[in-house]
Protein backbone atom coordinates (compact mmCIF):
# COMPACT_ATOMS: atom_id res chain seq x y z
CA MET A 1 58.11 0.92 35.46
CA THR A 2 56.08 2.01 38.36
CA ALA A 3 56.78 5.59 40.28
CA LYS A 4 55.56 6.23 43.59
CA ILE A 5 54.81 9.45 44.97
CA CYS A 6 54.05 10.09 48.81
CA GLY A 7 52.31 13.03 50.08
CA GLY A 8 52.92 14.61 53.57
CA ALA A 9 52.87 12.67 56.61
CA MET A 10 50.52 13.87 59.49
CA SER A 11 51.73 12.59 62.79
CA LEU A 12 48.85 10.84 64.77
CA LEU A 13 50.86 9.51 67.88
CA LYS A 14 53.57 11.53 69.59
CA GLY A 15 54.94 9.18 71.93
CA PRO A 16 53.10 6.05 73.54
CA SER A 17 49.55 6.70 74.34
CA ALA A 18 47.10 4.19 75.30
CA ARG A 19 44.19 6.09 73.72
CA HIS A 20 45.64 5.60 70.20
CA VAL A 21 46.72 2.26 70.98
CA SER A 22 42.98 1.47 71.51
CA ILE A 23 42.00 3.24 68.61
CA ILE A 24 44.46 1.19 66.54
CA ARG A 25 43.17 -2.22 67.83
CA GLN A 26 39.63 -1.03 67.07
CA HIS A 27 40.52 -0.21 63.43
CA ALA A 28 42.31 -3.68 63.40
CA ARG A 29 39.00 -5.25 64.41
CA ILE A 30 36.96 -3.59 61.92
CA SER A 31 39.62 -4.39 59.03
CA LEU A 32 39.21 -8.14 60.35
CA VAL A 33 35.35 -7.75 60.15
CA VAL A 34 35.43 -6.10 56.83
CA GLY A 35 37.78 -8.74 55.49
CA ALA A 36 36.02 -11.53 56.81
CA TYR A 37 32.57 -10.17 55.00
CA LEU A 38 34.33 -9.75 51.63
CA LEU A 39 35.48 -13.05 51.77
CA THR A 40 31.97 -14.69 52.83
CA SER A 41 30.61 -12.89 50.11
CA CYS A 42 32.34 -14.59 47.31
CA ALA A 43 30.99 -17.30 45.06
CA GLY A 44 31.55 -20.79 46.09
CA TYR A 45 32.51 -23.56 43.83
CA SER A 46 30.16 -26.65 43.56
CA PRO A 47 30.79 -29.30 40.97
CA LEU A 48 28.24 -30.28 38.32
CA GLN A 49 28.02 -33.90 37.75
CA VAL A 50 26.84 -35.19 34.30
CA ASP A 51 25.18 -38.47 34.25
CA PRO A 52 25.49 -39.93 30.71
CA PHE A 53 22.20 -42.15 31.54
CA GLN A 54 20.26 -39.08 32.84
CA GLU A 55 21.11 -37.50 29.64
CA ILE A 56 19.74 -40.30 27.66
CA ARG A 57 16.65 -40.50 29.30
CA LYS A 58 15.94 -36.80 28.73
CA LEU A 59 16.57 -37.51 24.86
CA GLU A 60 14.19 -40.25 25.36
CA GLN A 61 11.75 -38.35 26.76
CA ARG A 62 11.48 -35.50 23.98
CA ALA A 63 9.66 -37.89 21.65
CA ALA A 64 7.39 -39.56 24.72
CA GLN A 65 5.22 -36.44 25.57
CA PRO A 66 4.13 -33.25 24.18
CA LEU A 67 6.17 -30.40 24.59
CA GLN A 68 5.51 -26.64 25.00
CA PHE A 69 7.53 -23.81 23.70
CA GLU A 70 7.94 -20.12 23.69
CA VAL A 71 8.40 -19.38 19.71
CA PRO A 72 9.13 -15.86 19.14
CA PRO A 73 9.15 -15.48 15.31
CA ARG A 74 12.24 -16.35 13.43
CA GLY A 75 11.05 -15.06 10.23
CA ASN A 76 8.34 -14.81 7.86
CA PRO A 77 5.62 -17.71 8.90
CA SER A 78 4.78 -18.23 5.28
CA TRP A 79 8.23 -19.32 4.62
CA ILE A 80 9.35 -20.68 8.19
CA PRO A 81 6.30 -22.03 10.13
CA LEU A 82 6.44 -22.76 13.82
CA ARG A 83 4.16 -24.55 16.24
CA ALA A 84 4.16 -23.88 20.05
CA THR A 85 2.86 -27.23 21.15
CA VAL A 86 4.99 -30.27 19.59
CA ASP A 87 3.16 -33.63 19.72
CA LEU A 88 4.96 -36.38 18.20
CA GLY A 89 2.16 -38.98 18.78
CA ASP A 90 0.57 -38.21 15.65
CA GLY A 91 3.87 -37.66 13.61
CA LEU A 92 6.27 -34.79 12.99
CA ASP A 93 5.53 -32.00 10.58
CA LEU A 94 7.31 -29.13 9.20
CA PRO A 95 6.32 -26.40 11.66
CA GLU A 96 6.72 -28.65 14.44
CA ALA A 97 10.64 -29.83 13.20
CA ASN A 98 11.33 -26.15 12.95
CA THR A 99 10.46 -25.54 16.53
CA LEU A 100 12.28 -28.59 17.80
CA ALA A 101 15.33 -27.55 15.63
CA LEU A 102 15.55 -24.29 17.20
CA SER A 103 15.33 -25.77 20.59
CA PHE A 104 17.47 -28.75 20.29
CA SER A 105 19.66 -28.62 17.05
CA PRO A 106 23.27 -29.35 18.58
CA GLU A 107 24.43 -26.65 15.91
CA ILE A 108 22.21 -24.07 17.63
CA ARG A 109 22.65 -25.05 21.24
CA SER A 110 26.40 -24.77 20.80
CA ALA A 111 26.13 -21.25 19.16
CA ARG A 112 23.82 -20.33 21.84
CA SER A 113 26.35 -21.39 24.44
CA GLU A 114 28.90 -19.25 22.95
CA GLN A 115 26.29 -16.53 23.14
CA ASN A 116 25.74 -17.04 26.81
CA VAL A 117 29.52 -16.95 27.33
CA ALA A 118 29.92 -13.58 25.89
CA GLY A 119 26.64 -12.26 27.91
CA ALA A 120 28.80 -13.46 31.01
CA GLN A 121 31.97 -11.82 30.06
CA LEU A 122 29.58 -8.46 29.61
CA LEU A 123 28.89 -8.87 33.31
CA ARG A 124 32.50 -7.79 34.25
CA ALA A 125 33.41 -5.56 31.63
CA GLY A 126 33.88 -1.97 32.53
CA LEU A 127 34.05 -2.56 36.42
CA LEU A 128 36.06 -0.43 38.39
CA SER A 129 39.30 -2.03 39.67
CA ASN A 130 39.72 -3.31 43.07
CA PRO A 131 41.55 -1.49 45.80
CA GLU A 132 44.90 -2.71 46.53
CA LEU A 133 45.87 -3.23 50.21
CA PHE A 134 49.35 -3.47 51.58
CA LEU A 135 50.64 -4.77 54.71
CA GLY A 136 54.01 -5.37 55.83
CA PRO A 137 56.23 -5.13 58.96
CA ARG A 138 59.78 -3.64 58.70
CA ILE A 139 62.67 -3.44 60.78
CA SER A 140 64.48 -0.30 61.42
CA SER A 141 68.15 -0.01 60.37
CA GLY A 142 68.73 2.41 63.07
CA ALA A 143 67.15 1.62 66.52
CA GLY A 144 66.22 -1.89 65.29
CA GLY A 145 62.68 -1.40 66.12
CA LEU A 146 59.57 -2.82 64.17
CA ILE A 147 57.96 -0.47 61.87
CA LEU A 148 54.19 -1.06 60.54
CA PRO A 149 53.48 0.48 57.32
CA ALA A 150 50.02 -0.01 55.58
CA GLY A 151 48.70 1.22 52.32
CA LEU A 152 45.76 1.40 50.35
CA SER A 153 45.74 2.24 46.47
CA TRP A 154 43.00 2.44 44.10
CA GLU A 155 43.56 2.75 40.24
CA LEU A 156 41.73 5.74 38.86
CA PRO A 157 39.22 5.32 36.16
CA LEU A 158 41.06 7.51 33.53
CA TRP A 159 41.59 7.46 29.70
CA GLY A 160 38.01 5.97 29.16
CA GLN A 161 39.61 2.60 29.48
CA ARG A 162 36.64 1.12 31.36
CA GLU A 163 34.17 2.33 28.78
CA ALA A 164 35.83 0.94 26.05
CA GLU A 165 35.94 -2.35 27.69
CA LYS A 166 32.39 -2.25 28.34
CA ILE A 167 31.83 -1.43 24.77
CA LEU A 168 34.03 -4.28 23.28
CA ALA A 169 32.32 -6.91 25.55
CA GLN A 170 29.13 -5.49 24.08
CA ARG A 171 30.02 -5.82 20.57
CA LYS A 172 31.07 -9.34 21.16
CA LEU A 173 27.86 -10.32 22.42
CA THR A 174 26.10 -8.58 19.54
CA LEU A 175 28.42 -10.52 17.30
CA ALA A 176 27.69 -13.83 19.27
CA GLU A 177 24.03 -13.23 18.72
CA ALA A 178 24.44 -12.38 14.74
CA ARG A 179 26.42 -15.69 14.48
CA ALA A 180 23.63 -17.73 16.33
CA ALA A 181 21.02 -16.30 14.01
CA SER A 182 22.93 -17.41 11.07
CA VAL A 183 23.19 -20.82 12.40
CA GLU A 184 19.68 -20.88 13.00
CA LEU A 185 18.94 -20.03 9.46
CA ARG A 186 20.92 -22.53 7.97
CA VAL A 187 19.70 -25.41 10.17
CA LEU A 188 16.03 -24.39 9.29
CA ALA A 189 17.02 -24.49 5.61
CA GLU A 190 18.39 -27.83 6.15
CA VAL A 191 14.98 -28.86 7.71
CA ARG A 192 13.05 -27.62 4.92
CA ALA A 193 15.13 -29.28 2.43
CA ALA A 194 15.28 -32.66 4.41
CA PHE A 195 11.22 -32.58 4.14
CA ILE A 196 11.63 -31.83 0.53
CA ARG A 197 13.78 -34.73 0.00
CA ILE A 198 11.70 -37.15 1.99
CA SER A 199 8.83 -36.14 0.14
CA THR A 200 10.47 -36.83 -2.98
CA LEU A 201 11.92 -40.11 -2.15
CA THR A 202 8.50 -40.98 -0.74
CA LYS A 203 6.71 -40.44 -4.03
CA THR A 204 9.77 -42.12 -5.94
CA SER A 205 9.23 -45.19 -3.81
CA ALA A 206 5.63 -45.37 -5.00
CA ALA A 207 6.82 -44.90 -8.75
CA LEU A 208 9.30 -47.95 -8.03
CA GLU A 209 6.77 -50.18 -6.29
CA ALA A 210 4.34 -49.96 -9.26
CA GLN A 211 7.43 -50.82 -11.59
CA LEU A 212 8.35 -53.69 -9.35
CA ALA A 213 4.62 -54.83 -9.14
CA GLY A 214 4.56 -54.07 -13.14
CA SER A 215 7.55 -56.52 -13.53
CA GLU A 216 6.17 -59.26 -11.24
CA ARG A 217 3.21 -59.33 -13.57
CA VAL A 218 5.33 -59.57 -16.55
CA LEU A 219 7.59 -62.14 -15.17
CA GLN A 220 4.38 -64.29 -14.46
CA TRP A 221 3.23 -63.84 -18.19
CA THR A 222 6.46 -64.73 -19.48
CA ASP A 223 6.69 -67.75 -17.17
CA ALA A 224 3.22 -69.01 -18.82
CA LEU A 225 4.88 -68.14 -22.32
CA LYS A 226 7.81 -70.19 -21.58
CA GLN A 227 5.81 -73.11 -20.69
CA ALA A 228 3.70 -72.78 -23.75
CA GLY A 229 6.79 -72.80 -25.90
CA GLU A 230 6.07 -69.22 -27.13
CA ILE A 231 9.04 -67.83 -25.92
CA ASP A 232 12.90 -68.67 -25.31
CA GLY A 233 15.05 -68.45 -22.31
CA VAL A 234 16.66 -64.96 -23.12
CA THR A 235 13.20 -63.48 -22.93
CA SER A 236 12.68 -64.98 -19.53
CA TYR A 237 16.07 -64.08 -18.21
CA LEU A 238 15.75 -60.36 -19.29
CA ALA A 239 12.09 -60.69 -17.44
CA LYS A 240 13.78 -61.84 -14.22
CA LEU A 241 16.52 -59.31 -14.77
CA GLU A 242 13.97 -56.52 -14.87
CA ARG A 243 12.17 -57.79 -11.75
CA ASP A 244 15.28 -58.02 -9.90
CA ASP A 245 16.73 -54.55 -11.01
CA ALA A 246 13.34 -52.81 -9.93
CA ARG A 247 13.79 -54.50 -6.38
CA ALA A 248 17.24 -53.82 -5.93
CA ASN A 249 16.54 -50.10 -6.89
CA LEU A 250 13.76 -50.04 -4.31
CA GLU A 251 15.71 -51.23 -1.47
CA ILE A 252 18.30 -48.85 -2.33
CA LEU A 253 15.87 -46.10 -2.34
CA ARG A 254 14.28 -47.00 1.10
CA VAL A 255 17.93 -46.78 2.47
CA GLU A 256 18.35 -43.34 1.40
CA LEU A 257 14.96 -42.38 2.68
CA GLU A 258 15.80 -43.86 6.05
CA SER A 259 19.27 -42.31 6.12
CA THR A 260 17.32 -38.97 5.18
CA ARG A 261 14.66 -39.47 8.07
CA ARG A 262 17.59 -39.81 10.61
CA ASP A 263 19.49 -37.02 9.51
CA LEU A 264 16.40 -35.04 9.93
CA LEU A 265 15.95 -36.55 13.52
CA GLU A 266 19.44 -35.42 14.45
CA THR A 267 18.83 -31.82 13.14
CA THR A 268 15.73 -31.71 15.08
CA GLY A 269 17.59 -33.11 18.61
CA LEU A 270 15.68 -36.75 18.47
CA LEU A 271 17.38 -40.11 18.69
CA PRO A 272 17.66 -42.21 15.79
CA ASP A 273 15.31 -45.16 16.94
CA ALA A 274 12.48 -42.62 17.76
CA GLU A 275 9.39 -44.09 16.05
CA VAL A 276 8.23 -40.58 14.68
CA PRO A 277 6.50 -41.02 11.30
CA ILE A 278 7.12 -37.81 9.01
CA GLN A 279 4.08 -35.79 7.97
CA LEU A 280 4.19 -34.65 4.67
CA ASP A 281 0.61 -32.69 4.47
CA PRO A 282 0.74 -29.73 3.48
CA GLU A 283 3.62 -30.58 0.85
CA PRO A 284 6.76 -29.15 1.73
CA ALA A 285 7.58 -28.13 -1.48
CA LEU A 286 4.90 -25.74 -1.68
CA MET A 287 6.09 -22.16 -1.03
CA PRO A 288 4.95 -18.59 -1.45
CA ALA A 289 5.96 -17.02 -4.75
CA LEU A 290 9.40 -15.85 -5.00
CA PRO A 291 9.57 -11.83 -5.36
CA ARG A 292 12.08 -9.97 -7.03
CA PRO A 293 15.58 -9.72 -5.78
CA ASP A 294 16.09 -6.84 -3.23
CA ARG A 295 19.69 -5.74 -2.15
CA ARG A 296 18.26 -3.94 0.78
CA ARG A 297 16.60 -6.84 2.46
CA MET A 298 19.77 -8.94 1.70
CA LEU A 299 21.35 -6.47 4.26
CA LEU A 300 18.93 -8.34 6.95
CA HIS A 301 20.66 -11.63 6.41
CA PRO A 302 22.55 -12.87 9.27
CA GLN A 303 25.75 -13.31 7.46
CA ILE A 304 25.61 -9.61 6.76
CA VAL A 305 24.75 -8.78 10.39
CA SER A 306 27.62 -11.06 11.83
CA ALA A 307 30.12 -9.45 9.41
CA LEU A 308 28.97 -5.86 10.38
CA SER A 309 28.79 -6.82 14.12
CA GLU A 310 32.55 -8.42 13.61
CA HIS A 311 33.52 -4.85 12.21
CA GLU A 312 32.15 -3.09 14.84
CA ALA A 313 33.64 -5.53 17.80
CA ALA A 314 37.09 -4.65 15.92
CA GLU A 315 36.63 -1.03 16.03
CA ALA A 316 35.69 -1.33 19.86
CA ALA A 317 38.94 -3.48 20.25
CA LEU A 318 40.89 -0.87 18.51
CA GLN A 319 39.45 1.88 20.91
CA PHE A 320 40.35 -0.29 23.98
CA GLU A 321 43.96 -0.86 23.01
CA ILE A 322 44.42 2.78 22.41
CA SER A 323 42.95 3.78 25.96
CA SER A 324 45.53 1.05 27.16
CA GLN A 325 48.36 2.75 26.07
CA TYR A 326 48.27 5.55 28.80
CA PRO A 327 49.91 4.98 32.31
CA ALA A 328 47.74 3.55 35.04
CA ILE A 329 47.70 6.19 38.01
CA SER A 330 46.65 5.09 41.27
CA ILE A 331 46.14 6.97 44.56
CA GLY A 332 45.53 6.03 48.36
CA PRO A 333 46.03 6.72 51.97
CA GLU A 334 49.22 5.27 53.82
CA PHE A 335 49.56 4.60 57.59
CA GLU A 336 52.80 3.94 59.18
CA SER A 337 53.44 2.96 63.09
CA ASP A 338 57.02 3.15 64.31
CA GLN A 339 57.89 2.53 67.81
CA GLY A 340 54.58 4.14 68.90
CA ASP A 341 54.48 7.06 66.46
CA ALA A 342 51.82 6.82 63.83
CA SER A 343 51.77 8.70 60.83
CA LEU A 344 48.83 9.17 58.07
CA GLY A 345 49.43 10.55 54.71
CA ALA A 346 48.55 9.93 51.01
CA GLY A 347 50.47 8.44 48.15
CA ALA A 348 50.06 8.22 44.26
CA GLY A 349 51.50 5.72 41.83
CA ILE A 350 51.94 6.17 38.20
CA GLU A 351 53.24 3.78 35.38
CA LEU A 352 55.73 5.38 33.37
CA PRO A 353 55.47 4.42 29.49
CA LEU A 354 59.25 4.38 28.91
CA PHE A 355 59.59 1.12 27.27
CA GLU A 356 56.15 -0.11 26.12
CA ARG A 357 53.01 2.19 25.18
CA ASN A 358 50.94 -0.92 23.69
CA GLN A 359 51.88 -0.13 19.91
CA GLY A 360 51.87 -3.63 19.15
CA GLY A 361 48.49 -4.13 20.43
CA ILE A 362 47.30 -1.13 18.44
CA ALA A 363 48.87 -1.99 15.58
CA GLU A 364 47.35 -5.65 15.64
CA ALA A 365 43.80 -4.24 16.52
CA ALA A 366 43.94 -1.94 13.44
CA GLN A 367 44.85 -4.88 11.01
CA ARG A 368 42.23 -6.75 12.59
CA ARG A 369 39.70 -3.89 11.78
CA GLU A 370 41.00 -3.77 8.28
CA ALA A 371 40.29 -7.38 7.79
CA THR A 372 36.93 -7.24 9.09
CA ARG A 373 36.04 -4.58 6.55
CA GLU A 374 36.80 -6.89 4.07
CA LYS A 375 34.57 -9.50 5.51
CA VAL A 376 31.56 -7.34 4.99
CA SER A 377 32.46 -6.93 1.62
CA ASN A 378 33.22 -10.46 0.92
CA ALA A 379 29.89 -11.51 2.51
CA LEU A 380 27.93 -9.39 0.38
CA LEU A 381 29.37 -10.57 -2.57
CA LYS A 382 29.23 -14.48 -1.66
CA LEU A 383 25.52 -13.70 -0.73
CA THR A 384 24.77 -12.04 -4.00
CA HIS A 385 26.08 -14.51 -6.12
CA ALA A 386 24.58 -17.30 -4.04
CA GLU A 387 21.29 -15.95 -4.53
CA ALA A 388 21.59 -15.39 -8.16
CA LYS A 389 22.89 -18.78 -8.52
CA ALA A 390 19.91 -20.34 -6.82
CA ARG A 391 17.28 -18.14 -8.59
CA ALA A 392 18.92 -19.09 -11.88
CA GLU A 393 18.71 -22.69 -10.96
CA PHE A 394 15.14 -22.29 -9.82
CA GLN A 395 14.02 -20.51 -13.18
CA ALA A 396 15.82 -23.24 -15.25
CA LYS A 397 14.53 -26.21 -13.26
CA GLU A 398 10.83 -24.79 -13.49
CA THR A 399 11.22 -24.32 -17.43
CA ILE A 400 12.61 -27.62 -17.85
CA LEU A 401 9.84 -29.05 -15.33
CA ARG A 402 7.17 -27.37 -17.43
CA ASN A 403 8.42 -28.62 -20.72
CA TYR A 404 8.94 -32.21 -19.22
CA SER A 405 5.47 -32.27 -17.55
CA ALA A 406 3.77 -30.99 -21.00
CA GLY A 407 5.99 -33.48 -23.13
CA ALA A 408 7.61 -36.38 -21.93
CA MET A 409 5.14 -37.03 -18.79
CA ALA A 410 2.12 -36.32 -20.89
CA SER A 411 3.46 -39.05 -23.29
CA ALA A 412 4.42 -41.59 -20.74
CA LEU A 413 0.69 -41.34 -19.00
CA GLU A 414 -0.81 -41.98 -22.54
CA ALA A 415 1.76 -44.83 -22.96
CA ARG A 416 0.93 -46.20 -19.53
CA ARG A 417 -2.60 -46.38 -20.67
CA ALA A 418 -1.89 -47.99 -23.89
CA LEU A 419 0.39 -50.43 -22.39
CA ASP A 420 -2.35 -51.65 -19.87
CA LEU A 421 -4.87 -52.01 -22.76
CA ARG A 422 -2.25 -53.95 -24.66
CA LEU A 423 -1.48 -56.23 -21.95
CA GLN A 424 -5.31 -57.02 -21.08
CA ALA A 425 -5.75 -57.61 -24.94
CA GLY A 426 -2.42 -59.81 -25.20
CA GLN A 427 -1.25 -57.63 -28.37
CA SER A 428 1.95 -56.79 -27.12
CA ASN A 429 5.23 -58.88 -26.44
CA VAL A 430 7.42 -59.10 -23.47
CA LEU A 431 10.56 -56.89 -24.54
CA GLU A 432 8.02 -53.97 -25.51
CA VAL A 433 6.16 -54.22 -21.98
CA LEU A 434 9.63 -54.33 -20.24
CA ALA A 435 10.77 -50.98 -22.01
CA GLY A 436 7.70 -49.19 -21.53
CA LEU A 437 7.77 -50.05 -17.74
CA ARG A 438 11.20 -48.77 -17.49
CA SER A 439 10.52 -45.51 -19.45
CA ILE A 440 7.40 -44.69 -17.82
CA THR A 441 9.08 -45.25 -14.26
CA SER A 442 12.27 -43.15 -15.34
CA ALA A 443 10.27 -40.20 -16.86
CA ARG A 444 8.00 -40.16 -13.30
CA VAL A 445 11.31 -40.06 -11.16
CA ARG A 446 12.93 -37.70 -13.14
CA GLU A 447 10.25 -35.41 -12.98
CA LEU A 448 10.09 -35.74 -8.96
CA ARG A 449 13.87 -34.91 -9.07
CA LEU A 450 13.09 -31.85 -11.26
CA LYS A 451 10.56 -30.64 -8.60
CA GLN A 452 12.61 -31.36 -5.70
CA GLU A 453 15.74 -29.59 -7.19
CA SER A 454 13.32 -26.48 -7.97
CA ALA A 455 11.79 -26.17 -4.61
CA ILE A 456 15.26 -26.44 -2.97
CA ALA A 457 16.59 -23.94 -5.36
CA CYS A 458 13.67 -21.62 -4.55
CA PHE A 459 14.21 -21.69 -0.59
CA SER A 460 17.80 -21.33 -1.02
CA ALA A 461 17.30 -18.13 -2.95
CA ALA A 462 14.75 -16.77 -0.55
CA THR A 463 17.23 -17.70 2.26
CA ALA A 464 20.18 -15.85 0.46
CA GLY A 465 18.07 -12.85 -0.42
CA ALA A 466 16.57 -12.87 3.28
CA ILE A 467 13.02 -12.92 1.87
CA VAL A 468 12.32 -15.82 4.59
CA LEU A 469 13.05 -13.07 7.42
CA ASP A 470 10.42 -10.14 8.29
CA ASP A 471 11.70 -6.80 7.31
CA PRO A 472 11.71 -4.68 10.32
CA SER A 473 10.83 -1.53 8.29
CA ASN A 474 7.61 -2.92 7.28
CA LYS A 475 6.49 -3.45 11.05
CA ASP A 476 7.58 0.12 11.55
CA SER A 477 5.52 1.51 8.67
CA GLU A 478 2.60 -0.45 10.24
CA LYS A 479 3.04 1.05 13.52
CA GLU A 480 3.04 4.49 11.60
CA LYS A 481 -0.21 4.00 9.97
CA LYS A 482 -1.93 3.03 13.29
């Protein structure tokens, strides 16, 4: 319900007056000029066409020529290396992949689009309301003359509602920035894991190729022995089966390697048919030593920052809903012309909160604030467990790897040398050679898998504990020392 209170009117025209009529006409012209200016200052609409073929050409150009980027630090360079110049002519290495992912990853670009929307919403937040102009002729019930009333009202910026709206928009922008940073960190972890897997698959492929080559030599040997009548068809069949299994395992591994490579290209925003070799030097599994857990550093994690920002946005939303419960008050001048008599006065309008005082909005905002407080606690608990799990897996894999390298792998290398000597001297049978080749390859593949799982677990622990990020307190302390 809106009540309107009119102030006292002051007579401007007493009887017809040519001078006053001229003044009214002059004001009418001014009003038309001001109105035309306001309309011409509005933004115009222009359609933005999207050409799929042009977009495809842009995607193709990413791998066709060197690219320059502005690479502000996204973390500790020893954990997340970046490179300003990306030249894919000599292949794609880890720093270049990180830079491309930050620029072209579909997930990161989507998160930044949401951040840009929140930034655009901040532009209009907290602005003063536009004045409302009322113009309307009326017919007098008495003499039947035409009455020309006009009013201009403007809502007063009371109760802190404009400030609350601006704070809410700023908190939403901060939340969008934190969510974008969380997506960036997750994508960079995927890039590192993809490089580690590609490195492992490449080395595993070399081991399987060696097994296949050995199986081919054994098969040739068995064919000669079978022709000489020294072995039967069963032994020859087992030799062929071993060769075919080694070939099938190698083809399956190559399919997995190509799939992992294409996943990496998608993450970095490149087309799947881009002829870009993956550079694995330096070894992507080599990382700094994992320091001790630090709960204070974990607070720098984007997931924690995002949860805290969401709580602050909920606080601002509650503040805005509370400021919206108070009545809106508007004031402005009024003008009326009645058969040549003109009057000017002032009026005030107020919304009477008789039926609705935004209690529902306040209650909902309060519950959302409580829910975001729980999200902060849940994010801390989840990250703490994720870091502990990754650390435990890393330590376990490292222990297994040390024992395995010192035991089974050392024995496998010794057995391989002995097997080569036996083959050269002709002192071994076919079944023993096949079993030896299979066991040596299996040991090598398992060692590579253990190294991969250990490296991925190490980076996961560093990511969950925010170790891969720079600590702002360290920069502050360095500034203080200087």
